[in-house]
Amino acid sequence: MMTLATITNACPDYTIYNPLTELHIPKLLRGEFSYTLGTEVFGLPPYASVALFYAILIGGIAWMWHLAGKAEKPTETQPFPNLDGPG
């Protein structure tokens, strides 16, 4: 899974005191991302490639959540038969 660190640069220089504020956030704002499948294969702009990744990720989570909800519902809507006899 991609994080903010791997989107911009996986291995920052050790001379940077705070990589999040000195390296990753400025690169994120400028759109300087690492190479991704969307930019290399599909030729998408960097922001569109990252947005596509997160859209697919959120869509997959929502789909799995939906399937998990269906699995919890009973398959039969009829009540259990009366085992004590009639009435």
PDB file of N, CA and C in Angstrom:
ATOM      1  N   MET A   1       0.841  -1.165   0.000  1.00  0.00           N
ATOM      2  CA  MET A   1       0.000   0.000   0.000  1.00  0.00           C
ATOM      3  C   MET A   1       0.892   1.236   0.000  1.00  0.00           C
ATOM      4  N   MET A   2       0.486   2.224  -0.751  1.00  0.00           N
ATOM      5  CA  MET A   2       1.271   3.445  -0.841  1.00  0.00           C
ATOM      6  C   MET A   2       0.959   4.365   0.327  1.00  0.00           C
ATOM      7  N   THR A   3       1.960   5.013   0.827  1.00  0.00           N
ATOM      8  CA  THR A   3       1.783   6.023   1.869  1.00  0.00           C
ATOM      9  C   THR A   3       2.359   7.332   1.362  1.00  0.00           C
ATOM     10  N   LEU A   4       2.256   8.349   2.161  1.00  0.00           N
ATOM     11  CA  LEU A   4       2.798   9.649   1.767  1.00  0.00           C
ATOM     12  C   LEU A   4       4.293   9.555   1.517  1.00  0.00           C
ATOM     13  N   ALA A   5       4.995   8.758   2.320  1.00  0.00           N
ATOM     14  CA  ALA A   5       6.446   8.643   2.170  1.00  0.00           C
ATOM     15  C   ALA A   5       6.821   7.981   0.852  1.00  0.00           C
ATOM     16  N   THR A   6       6.128   6.921   0.467  1.00  0.00           N
ATOM     17  CA  THR A   6       6.495   6.229  -0.757  1.00  0.00           C
ATOM     18  C   THR A   6       5.942   6.908  -2.003  1.00  0.00           C
ATOM     19  N   ILE A   7       4.983   7.798  -1.839  1.00  0.00           N
ATOM     20  CA  ILE A   7       4.487   8.523  -3.010  1.00  0.00           C
ATOM     21  C   ILE A   7       5.536   9.509  -3.491  1.00  0.00           C
ATOM     22  N   THR A   8       6.238  10.160  -2.569  1.00  0.00           N
ATOM     23  CA  THR A   8       7.195  11.182  -2.979  1.00  0.00           C
ATOM     24  C   THR A   8       8.618  10.648  -3.085  1.00  0.00           C
ATOM     25  N   ASN A   9       9.107   9.965  -2.048  1.00  0.00           N
ATOM     26  CA  ASN A   9      10.467   9.450  -2.058  1.00  0.00           C
ATOM     27  C   ASN A   9      10.592   8.467  -0.907  1.00  0.00           C
ATOM     28  N   ALA A  10      10.992   7.261  -1.192  1.00  0.00           N
ATOM     29  CA  ALA A  10      11.033   6.231  -0.154  1.00  0.00           C
ATOM     30  C   ALA A  10      12.204   6.413   0.802  1.00  0.00           C
ATOM     31  N   CYS A  11      13.318   6.943   0.352  1.00  0.00           N
ATOM     32  CA  CYS A  11      14.516   7.049   1.188  1.00  0.00           C
ATOM     33  C   CYS A  11      15.045   8.477   1.188  1.00  0.00           C
ATOM     34  N   PRO A  12      14.582   9.308   2.119  1.00  0.00           N
ATOM     35  CA  PRO A  12      15.111  10.676   2.165  1.00  0.00           C
ATOM     36  C   PRO A  12      16.536  10.695   2.694  1.00  0.00           C
ATOM     37  N   ASP A  13      17.225  11.784   2.429  1.00  0.00           N
ATOM     38  CA  ASP A  13      18.595  11.967   2.890  1.00  0.00           C
ATOM     39  C   ASP A  13      18.620  12.065   4.420  1.00  0.00           C
ATOM     40  N   TYR A  14      19.667  11.553   5.039  1.00  0.00           N
ATOM     41  CA  TYR A  14      19.760  11.568   6.499  1.00  0.00           C
ATOM     42  C   TYR A  14      20.027  12.954   7.087  1.00  0.00           C
ATOM     43  N   THR A  15      20.376  13.918   6.257  1.00  0.00           N
ATOM     44  CA  THR A  15      20.612  15.269   6.763  1.00  0.00           C
ATOM     45  C   THR A  15      19.317  16.027   7.008  1.00  0.00           C
ATOM     46  N   ILE A  16      18.201  15.498   6.553  1.00  0.00           N
ATOM     47  CA  ILE A  16      16.911  16.153   6.756  1.00  0.00           C
ATOM     48  C   ILE A  16      16.425  15.846   8.161  1.00  0.00           C
ATOM     49  N   TYR A  17      16.114  16.891   8.914  1.00  0.00           N
ATOM     50  CA  TYR A  17      15.694  16.724  10.311  1.00  0.00           C
ATOM     51  C   TYR A  17      14.288  16.130  10.411  1.00  0.00           C
ATOM     52  N   ASN A  18      13.333  16.702   9.669  1.00  0.00           N
ATOM     53  CA  ASN A  18      11.961  16.216   9.696  1.00  0.00           C
ATOM     54  C   ASN A  18      11.522  15.954   8.249  1.00  0.00           C
ATOM     55  N   PRO A  19      11.624  14.705   7.782  1.00  0.00           N
ATOM     56  CA  PRO A  19      11.311  14.416   6.371  1.00  0.00           C
ATOM     57  C   PRO A  19       9.877  14.749   5.977  1.00  0.00           C
ATOM     58  N   LEU A  20       8.935  14.642   6.914  1.00  0.00           N
ATOM     59  CA  LEU A  20       7.545  14.913   6.555  1.00  0.00           C
ATOM     60  C   LEU A  20       7.346  16.375   6.165  1.00  0.00           C
ATOM     61  N   THR A  21       7.869  17.294   6.969  1.00  0.00           N
ATOM     62  CA  THR A  21       7.649  18.712   6.678  1.00  0.00           C
ATOM     63  C   THR A  21       8.684  19.310   5.732  1.00  0.00           C
ATOM     64  N   GLU A  22       9.875  18.748   5.688  1.00  0.00           N
ATOM     65  CA  GLU A  22      10.922  19.313   4.841  1.00  0.00           C
ATOM     66  C   GLU A  22      10.989  18.695   3.448  1.00  0.00           C
ATOM     67  N   LEU A  23      10.472  17.472   3.295  1.00  0.00           N
ATOM     68  CA  LEU A  23      10.606  16.793   2.007  1.00  0.00           C
ATOM     69  C   LEU A  23       9.262  16.347   1.429  1.00  0.00           C
ATOM     70  N   HIS A  24       8.527  15.543   2.177  1.00  0.00           N
ATOM     71  CA  HIS A  24       7.354  14.885   1.605  1.00  0.00           C
ATOM     72  C   HIS A  24       6.190  15.842   1.333  1.00  0.00           C
ATOM     73  N   ILE A  25       5.838  16.675   2.263  1.00  0.00           N
ATOM     74  CA  ILE A  25       4.705  17.589   2.043  1.00  0.00           C
ATOM     75  C   ILE A  25       5.015  18.595   0.931  1.00  0.00           C
ATOM     76  N   PRO A  26       6.214  19.227   0.894  1.00  0.00           N
ATOM     77  CA  PRO A  26       6.497  20.114  -0.242  1.00  0.00           C
ATOM     78  C   PRO A  26       6.454  19.400  -1.596  1.00  0.00           C
ATOM     79  N   LYS A  27       6.984  18.171  -1.658  1.00  0.00           N
ATOM     80  CA  LYS A  27       6.930  17.436  -2.929  1.00  0.00           C
ATOM     81  C   LYS A  27       5.502  17.051  -3.285  1.00  0.00           C
ATOM     82  N   LEU A  28       4.701  16.719  -2.283  1.00  0.00           N
ATOM     83  CA  LEU A  28       3.303  16.379  -2.537  1.00  0.00           C
ATOM     84  C   LEU A  28       2.559  17.585  -3.106  1.00  0.00           C
ATOM     85  N   LEU A  29       2.804  18.761  -2.561  1.00  0.00           N
ATOM     86  CA  LEU A  29       2.139  19.973  -3.040  1.00  0.00           C
ATOM     87  C   LEU A  29       2.587  20.359  -4.447  1.00  0.00           C
ATOM     88  N   ARG A  30       3.847  20.065  -4.791  1.00  0.00           N
ATOM     89  CA  ARG A  30       4.351  20.350  -6.138  1.00  0.00           C
ATOM     90  C   ARG A  30       3.982  19.271  -7.145  1.00  0.00           C
ATOM     91  N   GLY A  31       3.473  18.136  -6.678  1.00  0.00           N
ATOM     92  CA  GLY A  31       3.109  17.043  -7.575  1.00  0.00           C
ATOM     93  C   GLY A  31       4.287  16.209  -8.008  1.00  0.00           C
ATOM     94  N   GLU A  32       5.361  16.196  -7.236  1.00  0.00           N
ATOM     95  CA  GLU A  32       6.543  15.390  -7.554  1.00  0.00           C
ATOM     96  C   GLU A  32       6.418  14.042  -6.851  1.00  0.00           C
ATOM     97  N   PHE A  33       5.818  13.086  -7.541  1.00  0.00           N
ATOM     98  CA  PHE A  33       5.595  11.769  -6.973  1.00  0.00           C
ATOM     99  C   PHE A  33       6.593  10.773  -7.535  1.00  0.00           C
ATOM    100  N   SER A  34       6.728   9.641  -6.861  1.00  0.00           N
ATOM    101  CA  SER A  34       7.483   8.526  -7.413  1.00  0.00           C
ATOM    102  C   SER A  34       6.723   7.966  -8.603  1.00  0.00           C
ATOM    103  N   TYR A  35       7.398   7.188  -9.426  1.00  0.00           N
ATOM    104  CA  TYR A  35       6.744   6.596 -10.578  1.00  0.00           C
ATOM    105  C   TYR A  35       5.699   5.588 -10.120  1.00  0.00           C
ATOM    106  N   THR A  36       4.536   5.653 -10.719  1.00  0.00           N
ATOM    107  CA  THR A  36       3.457   4.727 -10.393  1.00  0.00           C
ATOM    108  C   THR A  36       2.953   4.086 -11.678  1.00  0.00           C
ATOM    109  N   LEU A  37       2.118   3.097 -11.534  1.00  0.00           N
ATOM    110  CA  LEU A  37       1.554   2.410 -12.686  1.00  0.00           C
ATOM    111  C   LEU A  37       0.718   3.366 -13.542  1.00  0.00           C
ATOM    112  N   GLY A  38      -0.008   4.262 -12.891  1.00  0.00           N
ATOM    113  CA  GLY A  38      -0.853   5.197 -13.632  1.00  0.00           C
ATOM    114  C   GLY A  38      -0.059   6.171 -14.476  1.00  0.00           C
ATOM    115  N   THR A  39       1.074   6.634 -13.970  1.00  0.00           N
ATOM    116  CA  THR A  39       1.867   7.587 -14.744  1.00  0.00           C
ATOM    117  C   THR A  39       2.679   6.897 -15.832  1.00  0.00           C
ATOM    118  N   GLU A  40       3.179   5.706 -15.557  1.00  0.00           N
ATOM    119  CA  GLU A  40       4.036   5.031 -16.519  1.00  0.00           C
ATOM    120  C   GLU A  40       3.247   4.319 -17.618  1.00  0.00           C
ATOM    121  N   VAL A  41       2.224   3.574 -17.250  1.00  0.00           N
ATOM    122  CA  VAL A  41       1.504   2.760 -18.227  1.00  0.00           C
ATOM    123  C   VAL A  41       0.396   3.538 -18.909  1.00  0.00           C
ATOM    124  N   PHE A  42      -0.392   4.261 -18.108  1.00  0.00           N
ATOM    125  CA  PHE A  42      -1.565   4.946 -18.656  1.00  0.00           C
ATOM    126  C   PHE A  42      -1.298   6.390 -19.020  1.00  0.00           C
ATOM    127  N   GLY A  43      -0.149   6.932 -18.663  1.00  0.00           N
ATOM    128  CA  GLY A  43       0.194   8.300 -19.009  1.00  0.00           C
ATOM    129  C   GLY A  43      -0.612   9.357 -18.283  1.00  0.00           C
ATOM    130  N   LEU A  44      -1.110   9.019 -17.102  1.00  0.00           N
ATOM    131  CA  LEU A  44      -1.902   9.980 -16.330  1.00  0.00           C
ATOM    132  C   LEU A  44      -1.002  11.011 -15.663  1.00  0.00           C
ATOM    133  N   PRO A  45      -1.533  12.194 -15.395  1.00  0.00           N
ATOM    134  CA  PRO A  45      -0.776  13.150 -14.591  1.00  0.00           C
ATOM    135  C   PRO A  45      -0.595  12.593 -13.174  1.00  0.00           C
ATOM    136  N   PRO A  46       0.419  13.056 -12.449  1.00  0.00           N
ATOM    137  CA  PRO A  46       0.701  12.496 -11.118  1.00  0.00           C
ATOM    138  C   PRO A  46      -0.489  12.538 -10.163  1.00  0.00           C
ATOM    139  N   TYR A  47      -1.173  13.681 -10.073  1.00  0.00           N
ATOM    140  CA  TYR A  47      -2.317  13.771  -9.148  1.00  0.00           C
ATOM    141  C   TYR A  47      -3.438  12.805  -9.549  1.00  0.00           C
ATOM    142  N   ALA A  48      -3.691  12.660 -10.854  1.00  0.00           N
ATOM    143  CA  ALA A  48      -4.734  11.747 -11.313  1.00  0.00           C
ATOM    144  C   ALA A  48      -4.369  10.300 -11.018  1.00  0.00           C
ATOM    145  N   SER A  49      -3.091   9.963 -11.136  1.00  0.00           N
ATOM    146  CA  SER A  49      -2.650   8.608 -10.847  1.00  0.00           C
ATOM    147  C   SER A  49      -2.856   8.255  -9.379  1.00  0.00           C
ATOM    148  N   VAL A  50      -2.502   9.168  -8.480  1.00  0.00           N
ATOM    149  CA  VAL A  50      -2.687   8.927  -7.047  1.00  0.00           C
ATOM    150  C   VAL A  50      -4.175   8.910  -6.706  1.00  0.00           C
ATOM    151  N   ALA A  51      -4.958   9.799  -7.317  1.00  0.00           N
ATOM    152  CA  ALA A  51      -6.398   9.813  -7.070  1.00  0.00           C
ATOM    153  C   ALA A  51      -7.041   8.517  -7.554  1.00  0.00           C
ATOM    154  N   LEU A  52      -6.589   7.999  -8.697  1.00  0.00           N
ATOM    155  CA  LEU A  52      -7.115   6.735  -9.203  1.00  0.00           C
ATOM    156  C   LEU A  52      -6.786   5.590  -8.246  1.00  0.00           C
ATOM    157  N   PHE A  53      -5.574   5.577  -7.717  1.00  0.00           N
ATOM    158  CA  PHE A  53      -5.190   4.535  -6.765  1.00  0.00           C
ATOM    159  C   PHE A  53      -6.106   4.551  -5.542  1.00  0.00           C
ATOM    160  N   TYR A  54      -6.309   5.731  -4.967  1.00  0.00           N
ATOM    161  CA  TYR A  54      -7.141   5.805  -3.768  1.00  0.00           C
ATOM    162  C   TYR A  54      -8.612   5.565  -4.079  1.00  0.00           C
ATOM    163  N   ALA A  55      -9.076   5.926  -5.263  1.00  0.00           N
ATOM    164  CA  ALA A  55     -10.465   5.636  -5.649  1.00  0.00           C
ATOM    165  C   ALA A  55     -10.683   4.127  -5.755  1.00  0.00           C
ATOM    166  N   ILE A  56      -9.724   3.422  -6.358  1.00  0.00           N
ATOM    167  CA  ILE A  56      -9.826   1.966  -6.448  1.00  0.00           C
ATOM    168  C   ILE A  56      -9.737   1.339  -5.071  1.00  0.00           C
ATOM    169  N   LEU A  57      -8.860   1.855  -4.224  1.00  0.00           N
ATOM    170  CA  LEU A  57      -8.718   1.327  -2.857  1.00  0.00           C
ATOM    171  C   LEU A  57     -10.010   1.517  -2.062  1.00  0.00           C
ATOM    172  N   ILE A  58     -10.578   2.701  -2.087  1.00  0.00           N
ATOM    173  CA  ILE A  58     -11.812   2.974  -1.336  1.00  0.00           C
ATOM    174  C   ILE A  58     -12.981   2.193  -1.937  1.00  0.00           C
ATOM    175  N   GLY A  59     -13.036   2.095  -3.263  1.00  0.00           N
ATOM    176  CA  GLY A  59     -14.086   1.306  -3.903  1.00  0.00           C
ATOM    177  C   GLY A  59     -13.992  -0.172  -3.528  1.00  0.00           C
ATOM    178  N   GLY A  60     -12.795  -0.701  -3.452  1.00  0.00           N
ATOM    179  CA  GLY A  60     -12.614  -2.091  -3.050  1.00  0.00           C
ATOM    180  C   GLY A  60     -13.018  -2.335  -1.606  1.00  0.00           C
ATOM    181  N   ILE A  61     -12.678  -1.400  -0.739  1.00  0.00           N
ATOM    182  CA  ILE A  61     -13.080  -1.527   0.665  1.00  0.00           C
ATOM    183  C   ILE A  61     -14.594  -1.466   0.787  1.00  0.00           C
ATOM    184  N   ALA A  62     -15.221  -0.546   0.062  1.00  0.00           N
ATOM    185  CA  ALA A  62     -16.684  -0.437   0.110  1.00  0.00           C
ATOM    186  C   ALA A  62     -17.350  -1.693  -0.432  1.00  0.00           C
ATOM    187  N   TRP A  63     -16.792  -2.253  -1.506  1.00  0.00           N
ATOM    188  CA  TRP A  63     -17.344  -3.475  -2.078  1.00  0.00           C
ATOM    189  C   TRP A  63     -17.223  -4.639  -1.099  1.00  0.00           C
ATOM    190  N   MET A  64     -16.063  -4.780  -0.451  1.00  0.00           N
ATOM    191  CA  MET A  64     -15.878  -5.848   0.534  1.00  0.00           C
ATOM    192  C   MET A  64     -16.811  -5.646   1.730  1.00  0.00           C
ATOM    193  N   TRP A  65     -17.017  -4.411   2.146  1.00  0.00           N
ATOM    194  CA  TRP A  65     -17.935  -4.108   3.245  1.00  0.00           C
ATOM    195  C   TRP A  65     -19.361  -4.525   2.862  1.00  0.00           C
ATOM    196  N   HIS A  66     -19.730  -4.241   1.609  1.00  0.00           N
ATOM    197  CA  HIS A  66     -21.050  -4.617   1.105  1.00  0.00           C
ATOM    198  C   HIS A  66     -21.213  -6.134   1.097  1.00  0.00           C
ATOM    199  N   LEU A  67     -20.197  -6.846   0.633  1.00  0.00           N
ATOM    200  CA  LEU A  67     -20.253  -8.310   0.614  1.00  0.00           C
ATOM    201  C   LEU A  67     -20.305  -8.881   2.028  1.00  0.00           C
ATOM    202  N   ALA A  68     -19.596  -8.271   2.955  1.00  0.00           N
ATOM    203  CA  ALA A  68     -19.621  -8.740   4.343  1.00  0.00           C
ATOM    204  C   ALA A  68     -21.007  -8.541   4.940  1.00  0.00           C
ATOM    205  N   GLY A  69     -21.697  -7.480   4.580  1.00  0.00           N
ATOM    206  CA  GLY A  69     -23.057  -7.242   5.061  1.00  0.00           C
ATOM    207  C   GLY A  69     -24.032  -8.266   4.516  1.00  0.00           C
ATOM    208  N   LYS A  70     -23.837  -8.685   3.260  1.00  0.00           N
ATOM    209  CA  LYS A  70     -24.705  -9.705   2.678  1.00  0.00           C
ATOM    210  C   LYS A  70     -24.484 -11.054   3.349  1.00  0.00           C
ATOM    211  N   ALA A  71     -23.266 -11.350   3.746  1.00  0.00           N
ATOM    212  CA  ALA A  71     -22.953 -12.639   4.351  1.00  0.00           C
ATOM    213  C   ALA A  71     -23.573 -12.759   5.738  1.00  0.00           C
ATOM    214  N   GLU A  72     -23.798 -11.663   6.420  1.00  0.00           N
ATOM    215  CA  GLU A  72     -24.364 -11.697   7.766  1.00  0.00           C
ATOM    216  C   GLU A  72     -25.876 -11.883   7.764  1.00  0.00           C
ATOM    217  N   LYS A  73     -26.560 -11.588   6.658  1.00  0.00           N
ATOM    218  CA  LYS A  73     -28.011 -11.702   6.589  1.00  0.00           C
ATOM    219  C   LYS A  73     -28.405 -13.174   6.430  1.00  0.00           C
ATOM    220  N   PRO A  74     -29.488 -13.583   7.062  1.00  0.00           N
ATOM    221  CA  PRO A  74     -29.930 -14.977   6.872  1.00  0.00           C
ATOM    222  C   PRO A  74     -30.426 -15.192   5.451  1.00  0.00           C
ATOM    223  N   THR A  75     -30.226 -16.401   4.960  1.00  0.00           N
ATOM    224  CA  THR A  75     -30.628 -16.691   3.584  1.00  0.00           C
ATOM    225  C   THR A  75     -32.114 -16.998   3.484  1.00  0.00           C
ATOM    226  N   GLU A  76     -32.705 -17.571   4.516  1.00  0.00           N
ATOM    227  CA  GLU A  76     -34.133 -17.877   4.502  1.00  0.00           C
ATOM    228  C   GLU A  76     -34.884 -16.837   5.327  1.00  0.00           C
ATOM    229  N   THR A  77     -36.010 -16.414   4.804  1.00  0.00           N
ATOM    230  CA  THR A  77     -36.807 -15.432   5.538  1.00  0.00           C
ATOM    231  C   THR A  77     -37.958 -16.084   6.287  1.00  0.00           C
ATOM    232  N   GLN A  78     -38.160 -17.385   6.098  1.00  0.00           N
ATOM    233  CA  GLN A  78     -39.239 -18.075   6.792  1.00  0.00           C
ATOM    234  C   GLN A  78     -38.817 -18.405   8.216  1.00  0.00           C
ATOM    235  N   PRO A  79     -39.750 -18.355   9.158  1.00  0.00           N
ATOM    236  CA  PRO A  79     -39.401 -18.702  10.534  1.00  0.00           C
ATOM    237  C   PRO A  79     -39.128 -20.196  10.662  1.00  0.00           C
ATOM    238  N   PHE A  80     -38.496 -20.579  11.733  1.00  0.00           N
ATOM    239  CA  PHE A  80     -38.218 -21.986  11.997  1.00  0.00           C
ATOM    240  C   PHE A  80     -39.522 -22.757  12.182  1.00  0.00           C
ATOM    241  N   PRO A  81     -39.591 -24.018  11.786  1.00  0.00           N
ATOM    242  CA  PRO A  81     -40.822 -24.790  11.969  1.00  0.00           C
ATOM    243  C   PRO A  81     -41.101 -25.014  13.443  1.00  0.00           C
ATOM    244  N   ASN A  82     -42.380 -25.140  13.764  1.00  0.00           N
ATOM    245  CA  ASN A  82     -42.795 -25.377  15.149  1.00  0.00           C
ATOM    246  C   ASN A  82     -42.523 -26.844  15.476  1.00  0.00           C
ATOM    247  N   LEU A  83     -41.584 -27.090  16.376  1.00  0.00           N
ATOM    248  CA  LEU A  83     -41.214 -28.456  16.727  1.00  0.00           C
ATOM    249  C   LEU A  83     -42.096 -29.061  17.809  1.00  0.00           C
ATOM    250  N   ASP A  84     -42.928 -28.250  18.466  1.00  0.00           N
ATOM    251  CA  ASP A  84     -43.787 -28.729  19.546  1.00  0.00           C
ATOM    252  C   ASP A  84     -45.085 -29.356  19.024  1.00  0.00           C
ATOM    253  N   GLY A  85     -45.337 -29.279  17.792  1.00  0.00           N
ATOM    254  CA  GLY A  85     -46.580 -29.807  17.242  1.00  0.00           C
ATOM    255  C   GLY A  85     -47.489 -28.672  16.807  1.00  0.00           C
ATOM    256  N   PRO A  86     -48.680 -29.006  16.378  1.00  0.00           N
ATOM    257  CA  PRO A  86     -49.579 -27.946  15.895  1.00  0.00           C
ATOM    258  C   PRO A  86     -50.032 -27.033  17.016  1.00  0.00           C
ATOM    259  N   GLY A  87     -50.178 -25.761  16.662  1.00  0.00           N
ATOM    260  CA  GLY A  87     -50.791 -24.721  17.426  1.00  0.00           C
ATOM    261  C   GLY A  87     -50.406 -24.427  18.741  1.00  0.00           C
TER     262      GLY A  87
END
